Amino acid sequence: MRIKIAIILSLIGFLSFGQETKLDENGKLVYKVEPEVLDSLYFKALNNRFDLILQSGFHYVEMNEYGNRIKNSNVSDRYKFLTTNELIDLSIKEKSTIDILRVVHKVISKDTIDINFEYIGFKGIRKLHFYKGIRFKKAEITVGCGATIGYQPDIRFAFDSLKNKWEIIENRFIRKNEE
């Protein structure tokens, strides 16, 4: 009896070894990317948006988890990273809707990451609101449609193992001569 239990436990141990891969709800592999790598890719993506850098005025970037980490890096001075309260105050002051740039990523495989940019409309309203107590300011947020063309990345990065660095292989905002 002890020998059978030992064999069964040994088989379970051998067969489960190396099974640390995680699957999402669709059964696809989930790849873990280090935060430092994501920060550098966000930094490169923002600095490669020449259409935004060359425009006049500031572009406000949403202060999500990634915005907090990259705001202190050497990003172009055309970008301002503001908190939600600062955006509400700015919208009330300007009496208009502010477009905020949301920067998100999608891990395609262990050596391919897409960085996507979305615009969010942000309008601050000053009046009396009753939500979890008395509030004097409120934000209305509008999110744009992703279109019906299907998924198209804004900037795609691939890891070049020969150079040991991430390279941009697709940038929707820069046109090439053959297009």
C-alpha atoms as a PDB file:
ATOM      1  CA  MET A   1       0.000   0.000   0.000  1.00  0.00           C
ATOM      2  CA  ARG A   2       2.799   2.430   0.884  1.00  0.00           C
ATOM      3  CA  ILE A   3       4.586   1.640  -2.367  1.00  0.00           C
ATOM      4  CA  LYS A   4       1.442   2.439  -4.403  1.00  0.00           C
ATOM      5  CA  ILE A   5       0.978   5.758  -2.600  1.00  0.00           C
ATOM      6  CA  ALA A   6       4.644   6.612  -3.113  1.00  0.00           C
ATOM      7  CA  ILE A   7       4.398   5.803  -6.846  1.00  0.00           C
ATOM      8  CA  ILE A   8       1.206   7.853  -7.253  1.00  0.00           C
ATOM      9  CA  LEU A   9       2.695  10.845  -5.408  1.00  0.00           C
ATOM     10  CA  SER A  10       5.901  10.559  -7.463  1.00  0.00           C
ATOM     11  CA  LEU A  11       3.921  10.508 -10.719  1.00  0.00           C
ATOM     12  CA  ILE A  12       1.886  13.514  -9.630  1.00  0.00           C
ATOM     13  CA  GLY A  13       5.079  15.369  -8.740  1.00  0.00           C
ATOM     14  CA  PHE A  14       6.781  14.528 -12.067  1.00  0.00           C
ATOM     15  CA  LEU A  15       3.752  15.246 -14.216  1.00  0.00           C
ATOM     16  CA  SER A  16       2.981  18.582 -12.558  1.00  0.00           C
ATOM     17  CA  PHE A  17       6.587  19.848 -12.706  1.00  0.00           C
ATOM     18  CA  GLY A  18       6.930  22.739 -15.168  1.00  0.00           C
ATOM     19  CA  GLN A  19       3.196  23.401 -15.402  1.00  0.00           C
ATOM     20  CA  GLU A  20       3.397  26.992 -14.151  1.00  0.00           C
ATOM     21  CA  THR A  21       1.914  28.467 -17.319  1.00  0.00           C
ATOM     22  CA  LYS A  22      -1.238  30.482 -16.780  1.00  0.00           C
ATOM     23  CA  LEU A  23      -4.248  30.654 -19.071  1.00  0.00           C
ATOM     24  CA  ASP A  24      -6.773  33.456 -19.436  1.00  0.00           C
ATOM     25  CA  GLU A  25     -10.538  32.963 -19.697  1.00  0.00           C
ATOM     26  CA  ASN A  26     -10.227  32.081 -23.408  1.00  0.00           C
ATOM     27  CA  GLY A  27      -7.599  29.418 -22.821  1.00  0.00           C
ATOM     28  CA  LYS A  28      -4.708  31.470 -24.244  1.00  0.00           C
ATOM     29  CA  LEU A  29      -1.316  31.659 -22.565  1.00  0.00           C
ATOM     30  CA  VAL A  30      -0.716  34.683 -20.353  1.00  0.00           C
ATOM     31  CA  TYR A  31       2.802  36.136 -20.563  1.00  0.00           C
ATOM     32  CA  LYS A  32       4.273  38.129 -17.692  1.00  0.00           C
ATOM     33  CA  VAL A  33       6.199  41.273 -18.628  1.00  0.00           C
ATOM     34  CA  GLU A  34       8.412  43.111 -16.164  1.00  0.00           C
ATOM     35  CA  PRO A  35       7.233  46.635 -15.214  1.00  0.00           C
ATOM     36  CA  GLU A  36      10.590  48.148 -16.197  1.00  0.00           C
ATOM     37  CA  VAL A  37      10.220  46.737 -19.722  1.00  0.00           C
ATOM     38  CA  LEU A  38       6.681  48.129 -20.002  1.00  0.00           C
ATOM     39  CA  ASP A  39       7.854  51.523 -18.750  1.00  0.00           C
ATOM     40  CA  SER A  40      10.569  51.690 -21.394  1.00  0.00           C
ATOM     41  CA  LEU A  41       8.088  50.670 -24.120  1.00  0.00           C
ATOM     42  CA  TYR A  42       5.570  53.312 -22.993  1.00  0.00           C
ATOM     43  CA  PHE A  43       8.368  55.870 -22.979  1.00  0.00           C
ATOM     44  CA  LYS A  44       9.457  54.906 -26.519  1.00  0.00           C
ATOM     45  CA  ALA A  45       5.855  54.885 -27.744  1.00  0.00           C
ATOM     46  CA  LEU A  46       5.094  58.369 -26.392  1.00  0.00           C
ATOM     47  CA  ASN A  47       8.314  59.757 -27.842  1.00  0.00           C
ATOM     48  CA  ASN A  48       7.535  58.170 -31.235  1.00  0.00           C
ATOM     49  CA  ARG A  49       4.154  59.900 -31.519  1.00  0.00           C
ATOM     50  CA  PHE A  50       5.558  62.701 -33.684  1.00  0.00           C
ATOM     51  CA  ASP A  51       2.044  63.754 -34.672  1.00  0.00           C
ATOM     52  CA  LEU A  52       1.372  64.682 -31.030  1.00  0.00           C
ATOM     53  CA  ILE A  53       4.793  66.149 -30.311  1.00  0.00           C
ATOM     54  CA  LEU A  54       4.626  68.495 -33.309  1.00  0.00           C
ATOM     55  CA  GLN A  55       1.148  69.804 -32.462  1.00  0.00           C
ATOM     56  CA  SER A  56       0.837  72.947 -30.406  1.00  0.00           C
ATOM     57  CA  GLY A  57      -0.388  72.795 -26.842  1.00  0.00           C
ATOM     58  CA  PHE A  58      -0.271  70.077 -24.249  1.00  0.00           C
ATOM     59  CA  HIS A  59      -1.584  66.536 -24.361  1.00  0.00           C
ATOM     60  CA  TYR A  60      -2.907  65.240 -21.077  1.00  0.00           C
ATOM     61  CA  VAL A  61      -2.063  61.631 -20.213  1.00  0.00           C
ATOM     62  CA  GLU A  62      -4.230  59.589 -17.880  1.00  0.00           C
ATOM     63  CA  MET A  63      -2.582  58.879 -14.553  1.00  0.00           C
ATOM     64  CA  ASN A  64      -3.289  55.183 -14.368  1.00  0.00           C
ATOM     65  CA  GLU A  65      -0.787  52.703 -12.942  1.00  0.00           C
ATOM     66  CA  TYR A  66       1.574  53.126 -15.892  1.00  0.00           C
ATOM     67  CA  GLY A  67       1.194  56.893 -16.118  1.00  0.00           C
ATOM     68  CA  ASN A  68       2.320  57.205 -12.515  1.00  0.00           C
ATOM     69  CA  ARG A  69       5.483  55.244 -13.240  1.00  0.00           C
ATOM     70  CA  ILE A  70       6.505  56.995 -16.480  1.00  0.00           C
ATOM     71  CA  LYS A  71       5.647  60.589 -15.541  1.00  0.00           C
ATOM     72  CA  ASN A  72       9.094  61.123 -14.002  1.00  0.00           C
ATOM     73  CA  SER A  73      10.996  59.736 -16.987  1.00  0.00           C
ATOM     74  CA  ASN A  74      12.341  61.871 -19.815  1.00  0.00           C
ATOM     75  CA  VAL A  75       9.119  62.119 -21.829  1.00  0.00           C
ATOM     76  CA  SER A  76       8.551  65.094 -24.151  1.00  0.00           C
ATOM     77  CA  ASP A  77       7.397  68.270 -22.422  1.00  0.00           C
ATOM     78  CA  ARG A  78       4.261  68.242 -24.609  1.00  0.00           C
ATOM     79  CA  TYR A  79       2.723  65.660 -22.280  1.00  0.00           C
ATOM     80  CA  LYS A  80       1.224  66.508 -18.908  1.00  0.00           C
ATOM     81  CA  PHE A  81       0.383  63.819 -16.396  1.00  0.00           C
ATOM     82  CA  LEU A  82      -2.528  64.957 -14.222  1.00  0.00           C
ATOM     83  CA  THR A  83      -4.555  63.220 -11.542  1.00  0.00           C
ATOM     84  CA  THR A  84      -8.328  62.908 -11.752  1.00  0.00           C
ATOM     85  CA  ASN A  85      -8.907  65.833  -9.374  1.00  0.00           C
ATOM     86  CA  GLU A  86      -6.518  68.045 -11.334  1.00  0.00           C
ATOM     87  CA  LEU A  87      -8.344  67.148 -14.566  1.00  0.00           C
ATOM     88  CA  ILE A  88     -11.724  67.991 -13.022  1.00  0.00           C
ATOM     89  CA  ASP A  89     -10.407  71.362 -11.848  1.00  0.00           C
ATOM     90  CA  LEU A  90      -8.860  72.076 -15.268  1.00  0.00           C
ATOM     91  CA  SER A  91     -12.068  71.156 -17.081  1.00  0.00           C
ATOM     92  CA  ILE A  92     -14.142  73.383 -14.783  1.00  0.00           C
ATOM     93  CA  LYS A  93     -11.661  76.219 -15.236  1.00  0.00           C
ATOM     94  CA  GLU A  94     -11.677  75.948 -19.041  1.00  0.00           C
ATOM     95  CA  LYS A  95     -15.438  75.215 -19.109  1.00  0.00           C
ATOM     96  CA  SER A  96     -14.984  72.542 -21.752  1.00  0.00           C
ATOM     97  CA  THR A  97     -14.323  68.865 -22.282  1.00  0.00           C
ATOM     98  CA  ILE A  98     -10.679  67.849 -22.111  1.00  0.00           C
ATOM     99  CA  ASP A  99      -9.300  65.038 -24.249  1.00  0.00           C
ATOM    100  CA  ILE A 100      -7.096  62.710 -22.250  1.00  0.00           C
ATOM    101  CA  LEU A 101      -4.703  60.226 -23.788  1.00  0.00           C
ATOM    102  CA  ARG A 102      -4.983  56.733 -22.309  1.00  0.00           C
ATOM    103  CA  VAL A 103      -1.961  54.557 -22.995  1.00  0.00           C
ATOM    104  CA  VAL A 104      -2.534  50.806 -22.677  1.00  0.00           C
ATOM    105  CA  HIS A 105      -0.695  47.690 -23.735  1.00  0.00           C
ATOM    106  CA  LYS A 106      -1.541  44.232 -24.972  1.00  0.00           C
ATOM    107  CA  VAL A 107       0.902  41.351 -24.696  1.00  0.00           C
ATOM    108  CA  ILE A 108       0.626  39.332 -27.908  1.00  0.00           C
ATOM    109  CA  SER A 109       3.393  36.817 -27.188  1.00  0.00           C
ATOM    110  CA  LYS A 110       6.518  36.655 -25.069  1.00  0.00           C
ATOM    111  CA  ASP A 111       8.413  38.734 -27.653  1.00  0.00           C
ATOM    112  CA  THR A 112       5.626  40.975 -29.035  1.00  0.00           C
ATOM    113  CA  ILE A 113       3.838  43.800 -27.211  1.00  0.00           C
ATOM    114  CA  ASP A 114       1.365  46.319 -28.633  1.00  0.00           C
ATOM    115  CA  ILE A 115       1.019  49.837 -27.240  1.00  0.00           C
ATOM    116  CA  ASN A 116      -2.328  51.470 -27.999  1.00  0.00           C
ATOM    117  CA  PHE A 117      -3.532  55.047 -27.535  1.00  0.00           C
ATOM    118  CA  GLU A 118      -7.151  55.933 -26.778  1.00  0.00           C
ATOM    119  CA  TYR A 119      -8.726  59.332 -26.284  1.00  0.00           C
ATOM    120  CA  ILE A 120     -11.134  59.869 -23.428  1.00  0.00           C
ATOM    121  CA  GLY A 121     -13.372  62.922 -23.128  1.00  0.00           C
ATOM    122  CA  PHE A 122     -13.307  64.330 -19.608  1.00  0.00           C
ATOM    123  CA  LYS A 123     -15.754  67.012 -18.474  1.00  0.00           C
ATOM    124  CA  GLY A 124     -15.837  68.409 -14.957  1.00  0.00           C
ATOM    125  CA  ILE A 125     -19.084  69.691 -13.476  1.00  0.00           C
ATOM    126  CA  ARG A 126     -19.381  71.765 -10.324  1.00  0.00           C
ATOM    127  CA  LYS A 127     -22.645  71.335  -8.463  1.00  0.00           C
ATOM    128  CA  LEU A 128     -24.019  69.500  -5.455  1.00  0.00           C
ATOM    129  CA  HIS A 129     -24.017  65.669  -5.847  1.00  0.00           C
ATOM    130  CA  PHE A 130     -25.043  63.021  -3.367  1.00  0.00           C
ATOM    131  CA  TYR A 131     -22.843  59.980  -3.846  1.00  0.00           C
ATOM    132  CA  LYS A 132     -21.178  58.454  -0.790  1.00  0.00           C
ATOM    133  CA  GLY A 133     -21.774  61.730   0.980  1.00  0.00           C
ATOM    134  CA  ILE A 134     -21.931  65.263  -0.363  1.00  0.00           C
ATOM    135  CA  ARG A 135     -19.731  66.017  -3.372  1.00  0.00           C
ATOM    136  CA  PHE A 136     -19.280  69.361  -5.087  1.00  0.00           C
ATOM    137  CA  LYS A 137     -17.515  68.184  -8.238  1.00  0.00           C
ATOM    138  CA  LYS A 138     -18.303  65.424 -10.687  1.00  0.00           C
ATOM    139  CA  ALA A 139     -16.692  64.123 -13.878  1.00  0.00           C
ATOM    140  CA  GLU A 140     -18.440  62.893 -16.997  1.00  0.00           C
ATOM    141  CA  ILE A 141     -16.262  60.563 -19.034  1.00  0.00           C
ATOM    142  CA  THR A 142     -16.810  59.573 -22.663  1.00  0.00           C
ATOM    143  CA  VAL A 143     -14.863  56.791 -24.340  1.00  0.00           C
ATOM    144  CA  GLY A 144     -14.469  56.555 -28.104  1.00  0.00           C
ATOM    145  CA  CYS A 145     -15.429  53.607 -30.247  1.00  0.00           C
ATOM    146  CA  GLY A 146     -12.732  51.171 -31.337  1.00  0.00           C
ATOM    147  CA  ALA A 147     -14.234  50.917 -34.858  1.00  0.00           C
ATOM    148  CA  THR A 148     -15.320  47.779 -36.653  1.00  0.00           C
ATOM    149  CA  ILE A 149     -12.165  47.115 -38.663  1.00  0.00           C
ATOM    150  CA  GLY A 150     -10.875  44.688 -36.048  1.00  0.00           C
ATOM    151  CA  TYR A 151      -7.837  44.891 -33.848  1.00  0.00           C
ATOM    152  CA  GLN A 152      -5.052  47.052 -35.238  1.00  0.00           C
ATOM    153  CA  PRO A 153      -2.171  48.020 -32.950  1.00  0.00           C
ATOM    154  CA  ASP A 154      -0.983  51.617 -32.818  1.00  0.00           C
ATOM    155  CA  ILE A 155       2.654  50.743 -32.151  1.00  0.00           C
ATOM    156  CA  ARG A 156       3.944  47.170 -32.108  1.00  0.00           C
ATOM    157  CA  PHE A 157       7.205  46.234 -30.429  1.00  0.00           C
ATOM    158  CA  ALA A 158       9.087  42.988 -31.013  1.00  0.00           C
ATOM    159  CA  PHE A 159      12.082  41.761 -29.060  1.00  0.00           C
ATOM    160  CA  ASP A 160      15.173  41.325 -31.234  1.00  0.00           C
ATOM    161  CA  SER A 161      17.184  38.575 -29.552  1.00  0.00           C
ATOM    162  CA  LEU A 162      20.292  39.340 -31.634  1.00  0.00           C
ATOM    163  CA  LYS A 163      20.422  42.993 -30.523  1.00  0.00           C
ATOM    164  CA  ASN A 164      18.873  42.163 -27.139  1.00  0.00           C
ATOM    165  CA  LYS A 165      16.437  45.113 -27.296  1.00  0.00           C
ATOM    166  CA  TRP A 166      12.853  45.973 -28.208  1.00  0.00           C
ATOM    167  CA  GLU A 167      12.332  47.338 -31.726  1.00  0.00           C
ATOM    168  CA  ILE A 168       9.318  49.077 -33.273  1.00  0.00           C
ATOM    169  CA  ILE A 169       8.093  46.915 -36.134  1.00  0.00           C
ATOM    170  CA  GLU A 170       4.822  48.745 -36.781  1.00  0.00           C
ATOM    171  CA  ASN A 171       3.849  52.361 -36.150  1.00  0.00           C
ATOM    172  CA  ARG A 172       0.437  53.450 -37.375  1.00  0.00           C
ATOM    173  CA  PHE A 173       1.315  57.129 -36.990  1.00  0.00           C
ATOM    174  CA  ILE A 174       4.316  57.213 -39.333  1.00  0.00           C
ATOM    175  CA  ARG A 175       3.750  56.695 -43.041  1.00  0.00           C
ATOM    176  CA  LYS A 176       6.366  54.996 -45.146  1.00  0.00           C
ATOM    177  CA  ASN A 177       7.296  55.970 -48.714  1.00  0.00           C
ATOM    178  CA  GLU A 178       5.693  52.923 -50.291  1.00  0.00           C
ATOM    179  CA  GLU A 179       2.255  53.740 -48.822  1.00  0.00           C
END
